[in-house]
Amino acid sequence: MQIRIQLATLLMALLPFSVMGATKTWTGKISDSMCGVTHKMVSEHQEKGEISKTATNKAEKERECTLACVKSGSKYVFVSQGKVFEISNQDYAGLQEHAGHTVKLTGDLDSDGKTIKVSEVTMSGAADQQHQKNENK
């Protein structure tokens, strides 16, 4: 009986750690903490000359907006299903590379449920095909 109680106690003590550190993959966009979901700063950046007025589509404008905001001191965030997640490792190389893109992001969700430590960022299926088309132009 004593062993069962000890095993149950050990299991209960370890359970939060297995949930907390679980690596997950989400689909969403790399954005910035100033704009979050909306990229409301696009026209302001264009007026200031911080981003190109010739950006032809929404994806290009969102990318340039994200990069301009981060350059101005904003932080990268990840937006998935309308929820904005902070990113703990801001120096992760894939953030700048995929700024404004729809991506598959893999990482560990912190116990606060609001912060992700990124371990991988890749273009998601349809977004990857559109990105390749744009690069081949």
Protein backbone atom coordinates (compact mmCIF):
# COMPACT_ATOMS: atom_id res chain seq x y z
CA MET A 1 0.00 0.00 0.00
CA GLN A 2 2.84 2.39 0.90
CA ILE A 3 4.45 1.88 -2.56
CA ARG A 4 1.18 2.72 -4.34
CA ILE A 5 0.89 6.00 -2.44
CA GLN A 6 4.51 6.88 -3.25
CA LEU A 7 4.01 6.06 -6.95
CA ALA A 8 0.81 8.09 -7.11
CA THR A 9 2.54 11.02 -5.41
CA LEU A 10 5.48 10.83 -7.83
CA LEU A 11 3.14 10.65 -10.82
CA MET A 12 1.18 13.68 -9.63
CA ALA A 13 4.42 15.61 -9.09
CA LEU A 14 5.74 14.85 -12.59
CA LEU A 15 2.50 15.33 -14.52
CA PRO A 16 2.68 19.16 -14.74
CA PHE A 17 6.18 18.95 -16.21
CA SER A 18 5.12 16.60 -18.99
CA VAL A 19 2.26 18.92 -20.03
CA MET A 20 4.24 22.14 -19.64
CA GLY A 21 7.20 21.18 -21.80
CA ALA A 22 5.25 19.49 -24.56
CA THR A 23 6.41 20.48 -28.02
CA LYS A 24 3.53 21.48 -30.30
CA THR A 25 3.06 22.72 -33.85
CA TRP A 26 0.66 25.52 -34.77
CA THR A 27 -0.27 27.21 -38.05
CA GLY A 28 -0.43 30.99 -38.03
CA LYS A 29 1.48 34.18 -38.86
CA ILE A 30 4.68 35.74 -37.62
CA SER A 31 3.65 39.28 -36.69
CA ASP A 32 4.81 41.95 -34.25
CA SER A 33 3.64 43.06 -30.82
CA MET A 34 2.57 46.50 -32.04
CA CYS A 35 0.22 45.24 -34.77
CA GLY A 36 -0.67 41.75 -33.57
CA VAL A 37 -3.46 40.44 -35.79
CA THR A 38 -4.32 43.57 -37.79
CA HIS A 39 -1.21 45.25 -39.28
CA LYS A 40 -2.92 48.58 -38.80
CA MET A 41 0.41 50.39 -39.22
CA VAL A 42 0.89 49.66 -42.96
CA SER A 43 -0.28 53.07 -44.21
CA GLU A 44 1.67 54.90 -41.51
CA HIS A 45 4.86 53.02 -42.46
CA GLN A 46 4.24 53.87 -46.13
CA GLU A 47 3.78 57.57 -45.33
CA LYS A 48 7.06 57.60 -43.39
CA GLY A 49 8.84 55.79 -46.22
CA GLU A 50 9.64 52.83 -43.96
CA ILE A 51 8.01 50.37 -46.35
CA SER A 52 7.51 50.36 -50.09
CA LYS A 53 4.43 51.99 -51.58
CA THR A 54 4.75 49.50 -54.45
CA ALA A 55 3.97 46.43 -52.34
CA THR A 56 1.27 44.85 -54.44
CA ASN A 57 -0.45 42.37 -52.17
CA LYS A 58 -1.53 42.03 -48.56
CA ALA A 59 1.15 39.45 -47.73
CA GLU A 60 3.97 41.73 -48.91
CA LYS A 61 2.54 44.66 -46.94
CA GLU A 62 2.20 42.56 -43.78
CA ARG A 63 5.78 41.32 -44.11
CA GLU A 64 7.17 44.81 -44.58
CA CYS A 65 4.99 46.14 -41.74
CA THR A 66 6.22 43.43 -39.36
CA LEU A 67 9.87 44.11 -40.22
CA ALA A 68 9.40 47.89 -39.86
CA CYS A 69 7.69 47.52 -36.48
CA VAL A 70 10.42 45.19 -35.18
CA LYS A 71 13.09 47.60 -36.43
CA SER A 72 11.29 50.30 -34.40
CA GLY A 73 11.47 48.24 -31.21
CA SER A 74 8.43 45.98 -31.41
CA LYS A 75 8.86 42.26 -30.69
CA TYR A 76 7.99 39.29 -32.90
CA VAL A 77 4.79 37.48 -31.94
CA PHE A 78 2.93 34.49 -33.34
CA VAL A 79 -0.77 34.78 -34.24
CA SER A 80 -2.81 31.59 -34.48
CA GLN A 81 -6.61 31.36 -34.59
CA GLY A 82 -6.92 34.99 -33.45
CA LYS A 83 -4.71 34.48 -30.38
CA VAL A 84 -1.41 36.35 -30.05
CA PHE A 85 1.50 34.45 -28.47
CA GLU A 86 4.69 36.09 -27.26
CA ILE A 87 7.94 34.53 -28.46
CA SER A 88 10.61 34.04 -25.81
CA ASN A 89 13.59 33.53 -28.14
CA GLN A 90 13.45 36.71 -30.25
CA ASP A 91 16.84 35.93 -31.78
CA TYR A 92 15.55 32.79 -33.56
CA ALA A 93 16.67 33.23 -37.22
CA GLY A 94 13.42 32.01 -38.77
CA LEU A 95 11.44 34.90 -37.28
CA GLN A 96 12.96 37.56 -39.51
CA GLU A 97 13.03 35.23 -42.50
CA HIS A 98 9.31 34.46 -42.18
CA ALA A 99 8.04 37.81 -40.85
CA GLY A 100 4.48 38.34 -42.09
CA HIS A 101 4.25 34.84 -43.55
CA THR A 102 1.73 32.12 -42.75
CA VAL A 103 3.85 29.37 -41.24
CA LYS A 104 3.92 26.16 -39.27
CA LEU A 105 5.64 27.01 -36.01
CA THR A 106 6.94 24.33 -33.65
CA GLY A 107 7.91 25.10 -30.09
CA ASP A 108 7.24 24.72 -26.42
CA LEU A 109 4.30 26.57 -24.88
CA ASP A 110 5.27 28.05 -21.53
CA SER A 111 3.22 27.29 -18.43
CA ASP A 112 1.60 30.75 -18.74
CA GLY A 113 -0.10 29.60 -21.97
CA LYS A 114 0.96 32.87 -23.64
CA THR A 115 4.61 32.40 -24.55
CA ILE A 116 6.27 30.05 -27.03
CA LYS A 117 9.93 29.11 -27.28
CA VAL A 118 10.34 28.48 -31.01
CA SER A 119 12.30 25.46 -32.25
CA GLU A 120 11.26 25.46 -35.93
CA VAL A 121 9.45 27.68 -38.44
CA THR A 122 8.50 26.48 -41.92
CA MET A 123 6.18 27.84 -44.58
CA SER A 124 2.75 26.22 -44.48
CA GLY A 125 1.52 24.39 -47.62
CA ALA A 126 -0.47 27.02 -49.60
CA ALA A 127 1.66 29.90 -48.31
CA ASP A 128 4.83 28.10 -49.40
CA GLN A 129 3.52 27.72 -52.95
CA GLN A 130 2.57 31.44 -53.11
CA HIS A 131 5.96 32.46 -51.67
CA GLN A 132 7.77 30.38 -54.31
CA LYS A 133 5.67 31.97 -57.09
CA ASN A 134 6.58 35.45 -55.83
CA GLU A 135 10.30 34.59 -55.70
CA ASN A 136 10.26 33.24 -59.27
CA LYS A 137 8.87 36.49 -60.71
